[in-house]
C-alpha atoms as a PDB file:
ATOM      1  CA  MET A   1      16.453  30.203 -16.752  1.00  0.00           C
ATOM      2  CA  GLU A   2      14.679  26.848 -17.719  1.00  0.00           C
ATOM      3  CA  GLN A   3      10.868  26.796 -17.425  1.00  0.00           C
ATOM      4  CA  ASN A   4       9.260  24.177 -15.157  1.00  0.00           C
ATOM      5  CA  LYS A   5       7.832  21.282 -17.108  1.00  0.00           C
ATOM      6  CA  LEU A   6       4.371  19.871 -16.868  1.00  0.00           C
ATOM      7  CA  LEU A   7       4.534  16.454 -15.460  1.00  0.00           C
ATOM      8  CA  ARG A   8       0.853  15.219 -15.971  1.00  0.00           C
ATOM      9  CA  MET A   9      -2.684  16.174 -15.412  1.00  0.00           C
ATOM     10  CA  ASP A  10      -3.931  14.399 -12.292  1.00  0.00           C
ATOM     11  CA  ASN A  11      -7.628  14.762 -12.813  1.00  0.00           C
ATOM     12  CA  ILE A  12     -10.837  16.695 -13.770  1.00  0.00           C
ATOM     13  CA  GLY A  13     -13.005  17.696 -10.900  1.00  0.00           C
ATOM     14  CA  ILE A  14     -16.950  17.668 -11.044  1.00  0.00           C
ATOM     15  CA  VAL A  15     -19.131  18.955  -8.415  1.00  0.00           C
ATOM     16  CA  VAL A  16     -22.281  16.602  -8.035  1.00  0.00           C
ATOM     17  CA  GLU A  17     -25.461  16.660  -6.151  1.00  0.00           C
ATOM     18  CA  SER A  18     -25.495  12.690  -5.494  1.00  0.00           C
ATOM     19  CA  ILE A  19     -21.982  11.087  -5.345  1.00  0.00           C
ATOM     20  CA  ASP A  20     -23.630   7.611  -5.605  1.00  0.00           C
ATOM     21  CA  ASN A  21     -25.509   8.502  -8.669  1.00  0.00           C
ATOM     22  CA  ALA A  22     -22.302  10.073 -10.236  1.00  0.00           C
ATOM     23  CA  ILE A  23     -20.358   6.969  -9.245  1.00  0.00           C
ATOM     24  CA  ALA A  24     -23.033   4.695 -10.850  1.00  0.00           C
ATOM     25  CA  PHE A  25     -23.051   6.826 -14.133  1.00  0.00           C
ATOM     26  CA  PHE A  26     -19.201   6.779 -14.584  1.00  0.00           C
ATOM     27  CA  SER A  27     -19.005   3.027 -13.402  1.00  0.00           C
ATOM     28  CA  GLU A  28     -21.471   2.197 -16.251  1.00  0.00           C
ATOM     29  CA  ILE A  29     -19.190   4.234 -18.673  1.00  0.00           C
ATOM     30  CA  GLY A  30     -16.331   1.955 -17.483  1.00  0.00           C
ATOM     31  CA  LEU A  31     -14.416   3.836 -14.916  1.00  0.00           C
ATOM     32  CA  LYS A  32     -13.589   2.245 -11.545  1.00  0.00           C
ATOM     33  CA  LEU A  33     -14.023   3.605  -8.127  1.00  0.00           C
ATOM     34  CA  GLU A  34     -10.488   4.289  -6.759  1.00  0.00           C
ATOM     35  CA  GLY A  35     -11.414   5.751  -3.445  1.00  0.00           C
ATOM     36  CA  ARG A  36     -13.824   7.676  -1.401  1.00  0.00           C
ATOM     37  CA  ALA A  37     -13.456  10.119   1.509  1.00  0.00           C
ATOM     38  CA  MET A  38     -14.602  13.087   3.581  1.00  0.00           C
ATOM     39  CA  ILE A  39     -12.522  16.099   3.351  1.00  0.00           C
ATOM     40  CA  GLU A  40     -13.210  18.520   6.044  1.00  0.00           C
ATOM     41  CA  GLY A  41     -11.715  21.669   7.694  1.00  0.00           C
ATOM     42  CA  GLU A  42     -10.520  25.139   7.160  1.00  0.00           C
ATOM     43  CA  TRP A  43      -7.258  23.733   5.511  1.00  0.00           C
ATOM     44  CA  ALA A  44      -9.171  22.505   2.608  1.00  0.00           C
ATOM     45  CA  GLY A  45     -11.177  25.875   2.285  1.00  0.00           C
ATOM     46  CA  ARG A  46      -7.806  27.698   1.962  1.00  0.00           C
ATOM     47  CA  VAL A  47      -7.206  25.721  -1.170  1.00  0.00           C
ATOM     48  CA  THR A  48     -10.762  26.395  -2.618  1.00  0.00           C
ATOM     49  CA  GLY A  49     -11.291  29.803  -1.122  1.00  0.00           C
ATOM     50  CA  LEU A  50     -14.615  28.715   0.491  1.00  0.00           C
ATOM     51  CA  GLY A  51     -13.442  28.760   4.161  1.00  0.00           C
ATOM     52  CA  ASP A  52     -14.485  25.943   6.366  1.00  0.00           C
ATOM     53  CA  GLN A  53     -15.847  23.282   4.280  1.00  0.00           C
ATOM     54  CA  THR A  54     -17.170  19.677   4.400  1.00  0.00           C
ATOM     55  CA  VAL A  55     -16.821  17.793   0.974  1.00  0.00           C
ATOM     56  CA  GLU A  56     -17.398  14.107   0.195  1.00  0.00           C
ATOM     57  CA  ILE A  57     -15.057  12.984  -2.722  1.00  0.00           C
ATOM     58  CA  ALA A  58     -14.743  10.000  -4.766  1.00  0.00           C
ATOM     59  CA  MET A  59     -11.954   9.446  -7.436  1.00  0.00           C
ATOM     60  CA  MET A  60     -12.783   7.469 -10.517  1.00  0.00           C
ATOM     61  CA  VAL A  61     -10.162   6.075 -12.811  1.00  0.00           C
ATOM     62  CA  THR A  62     -10.242   4.921 -16.484  1.00  0.00           C
ATOM     63  CA  PRO A  63      -9.309   1.283 -17.163  1.00  0.00           C
ATOM     64  CA  ASP A  64      -5.860   2.237 -18.428  1.00  0.00           C
ATOM     65  CA  GLY A  65      -5.122   3.906 -15.103  1.00  0.00           C
ATOM     66  CA  HIS A  66      -3.996   7.235 -16.823  1.00  0.00           C
ATOM     67  CA  SER A  67      -7.147   9.507 -16.317  1.00  0.00           C
ATOM     68  CA  ARG A  68      -9.060  10.457 -13.208  1.00  0.00           C
ATOM     69  CA  ILE A  69     -12.288  12.162 -12.462  1.00  0.00           C
ATOM     70  CA  GLU A  70     -12.740  13.518  -8.924  1.00  0.00           C
ATOM     71  CA  LEU A  71     -16.311  13.687  -7.937  1.00  0.00           C
ATOM     72  CA  SER A  72     -17.079  16.371  -5.029  1.00  0.00           C
ATOM     73  CA  ARG A  73     -20.361  16.594  -3.152  1.00  0.00           C
ATOM     74  CA  PHE A  74     -20.314  19.715  -0.966  1.00  0.00           C
ATOM     75  CA  VAL A  75     -22.058  19.109   2.437  1.00  0.00           C
ATOM     76  CA  THR A  76     -20.962  22.781   3.570  1.00  0.00           C
ATOM     77  CA  PRO A  77     -20.903  25.338   2.234  1.00  0.00           C
ATOM     78  CA  SER A  78     -24.154  24.779   0.088  1.00  0.00           C
ATOM     79  CA  ILE A  79     -24.146  25.005  -3.661  1.00  0.00           C
ATOM     80  CA  LEU A  80     -24.380  28.467  -5.229  1.00  0.00           C
ATOM     81  CA  SER A  81     -24.621  27.696  -8.896  1.00  0.00           C
ATOM     82  CA  ASN A  82     -25.942  25.023 -11.168  1.00  0.00           C
ATOM     83  CA  HIS A  83     -24.329  24.465 -14.595  1.00  0.00           C
ATOM     84  CA  THR A  84     -26.038  20.989 -15.209  1.00  0.00           C
ATOM     85  CA  VAL A  85     -28.720  22.846 -17.303  1.00  0.00           C
ATOM     86  CA  ALA A  86     -26.102  24.837 -19.359  1.00  0.00           C
ATOM     87  CA  PRO A  87     -26.371  24.130 -23.181  1.00  0.00           C
ATOM     88  CA  VAL A  88     -23.297  22.671 -24.660  1.00  0.00           C
ATOM     89  CA  ASN A  89     -22.132  26.034 -26.085  1.00  0.00           C
ATOM     90  CA  ALA A  90     -22.108  27.664 -22.544  1.00  0.00           C
ATOM     91  CA  LEU A  91     -18.551  29.184 -21.635  1.00  0.00           C
ATOM     92  CA  GLY A  92     -16.507  27.266 -19.236  1.00  0.00           C
ATOM     93  CA  TYR A  93     -15.469  23.656 -18.838  1.00  0.00           C
ATOM     94  CA  LEU A  94     -17.818  21.662 -20.882  1.00  0.00           C
ATOM     95  CA  ARG A  95     -17.526  17.877 -20.625  1.00  0.00           C
ATOM     96  CA  ALA A  96     -15.164  14.958 -20.428  1.00  0.00           C
ATOM     97  CA  MET A  97     -14.684  12.847 -23.546  1.00  0.00           C
ATOM     98  CA  PHE A  98     -14.323   9.042 -23.362  1.00  0.00           C
ATOM     99  CA  THR A  99     -13.294   6.566 -26.032  1.00  0.00           C
ATOM    100  CA  VAL A 100     -15.465   3.520 -26.000  1.00  0.00           C
ATOM    101  CA  GLU A 101     -15.626   0.328 -27.690  1.00  0.00           C
ATOM    102  CA  ASP A 102     -19.369   0.456 -28.865  1.00  0.00           C
ATOM    103  CA  ILE A 103     -21.058   3.808 -28.710  1.00  0.00           C
ATOM    104  CA  GLU A 104     -24.578   2.511 -29.771  1.00  0.00           C
ATOM    105  CA  GLU A 105     -24.487  -0.156 -26.992  1.00  0.00           C
ATOM    106  CA  LEU A 106     -23.132   2.111 -24.242  1.00  0.00           C
ATOM    107  CA  THR A 107     -25.621   4.895 -25.114  1.00  0.00           C
ATOM    108  CA  THR A 108     -28.587   2.376 -25.139  1.00  0.00           C
ATOM    109  CA  ARG A 109     -27.466   1.228 -21.565  1.00  0.00           C
ATOM    110  CA  LEU A 110     -26.930   4.721 -20.305  1.00  0.00           C
ATOM    111  CA  ILE A 111     -30.349   5.812 -21.550  1.00  0.00           C
ATOM    112  CA  LYS A 112     -31.983   2.791 -19.797  1.00  0.00           C
ATOM    113  CA  ASN A 113     -30.519   4.338 -16.521  1.00  0.00           C
ATOM    114  CA  GLY A 114     -31.964   7.660 -17.091  1.00  0.00           C
ATOM    115  CA  ALA A 115     -29.291   9.399 -19.282  1.00  0.00           C
ATOM    116  CA  THR A 116     -30.529  11.562 -22.169  1.00  0.00           C
ATOM    117  CA  LEU A 117     -28.714  11.822 -25.529  1.00  0.00           C
ATOM    118  CA  VAL A 118     -28.090  15.448 -26.250  1.00  0.00           C
ATOM    119  CA  GLY A 119     -28.266  15.312 -29.927  1.00  0.00           C
ATOM    120  CA  GLU A 120     -27.561  12.157 -31.881  1.00  0.00           C
ATOM    121  CA  ILE A 121     -24.871   9.780 -32.552  1.00  0.00           C
ATOM    122  CA  VAL A 122     -22.989  11.412 -35.537  1.00  0.00           C
ATOM    123  CA  ARG A 123     -20.297   9.925 -37.838  1.00  0.00           C
ATOM    124  CA  TYR A 124     -17.125  12.043 -38.336  1.00  0.00           C
ATOM    125  CA  GLU A 125     -15.675  11.242 -41.664  1.00  0.00           C
ATOM    126  CA  THR A 126     -14.151   7.622 -41.487  1.00  0.00           C
ATOM    127  CA  SER A 127     -12.582   8.138 -38.173  1.00  0.00           C
ATOM    128  CA  TYR A 128     -15.229   8.608 -35.359  1.00  0.00           C
ATOM    129  CA  LYS A 129     -18.751   8.221 -34.161  1.00  0.00           C
ATOM    130  CA  LEU A 130     -19.414  10.826 -31.687  1.00  0.00           C
ATOM    131  CA  CYS A 131     -22.302  12.089 -29.343  1.00  0.00           C
ATOM    132  CA  TYR A 132     -22.982  13.990 -26.108  1.00  0.00           C
ATOM    133  CA  ILE A 133     -24.960  12.281 -23.434  1.00  0.00           C
ATOM    134  CA  ARG A 134     -26.318  13.889 -20.040  1.00  0.00           C
ATOM    135  CA  SER A 135     -26.717  11.648 -16.943  1.00  0.00           C
ATOM    136  CA  ALA A 136     -29.951  11.813 -15.070  1.00  0.00           C
ATOM    137  CA  ASP A 137     -28.442  14.325 -12.873  1.00  0.00           C
ATOM    138  CA  GLY A 138     -27.162  16.468 -15.632  1.00  0.00           C
ATOM    139  CA  LEU A 139     -23.521  15.485 -15.987  1.00  0.00           C
ATOM    140  CA  LEU A 140     -22.435  15.988 -19.658  1.00  0.00           C
ATOM    141  CA  VAL A 141     -19.996  13.737 -21.232  1.00  0.00           C
ATOM    142  CA  GLY A 142     -18.916  12.974 -24.831  1.00  0.00           C
ATOM    143  CA  LEU A 143     -18.486   9.567 -26.195  1.00  0.00           C
ATOM    144  CA  ALA A 144     -16.325   8.562 -28.996  1.00  0.00           C
ATOM    145  CA  GLN A 145     -15.836   5.382 -30.830  1.00  0.00           C
ATOM    146  CA  GLU A 146     -12.930   4.931 -33.311  1.00  0.00           C
ATOM    147  CA  ILE A 147     -14.009   3.482 -36.465  1.00  0.00           C
ATOM    148  CA  GLY A 148     -12.114   2.065 -39.501  1.00  0.00           C
ATOM    149  CA  GLU A 149     -12.583   2.472 -43.269  1.00  0.00           C
ATOM    150  CA  ASN A 150     -15.213  -0.326 -43.066  1.00  0.00           C
ATOM    151  CA  GLY A 151     -17.540   1.669 -41.014  1.00  0.00           C
ATOM    152  CA  GLY A 152     -16.795  -0.163 -37.738  1.00  0.00           C
END
């Protein structure tokens, strides 16, 4: 019997406190708002196991159209746990990683908008510059810049 084949990854979901702040943060990185909606009712709760729920969602898409982040703000039920203060070595899903053109320029821009550099921008051999950055609301992302032999 042939095994089902994975077709694609549709999105990564992130629960946020302020959907407007999260949209602004990911827009600054370079994602585009694809759509925004309220999801309500018991049918949605059957998927999440939370019962009757009201959730505002926004779908952000990368410029190439291949990757998406679904931002969710739960109106009801209320949030039970907060992982935005977890250290980068906490168990569970950690962060999304984005490849960017100019890591220093973007990091400077994000910091001006309230983000915090977690450690520092580090060069990995001759292939990447990397860093983790946390939005003002605590969302953790990784940034990577491909570099060439000349140190680009």
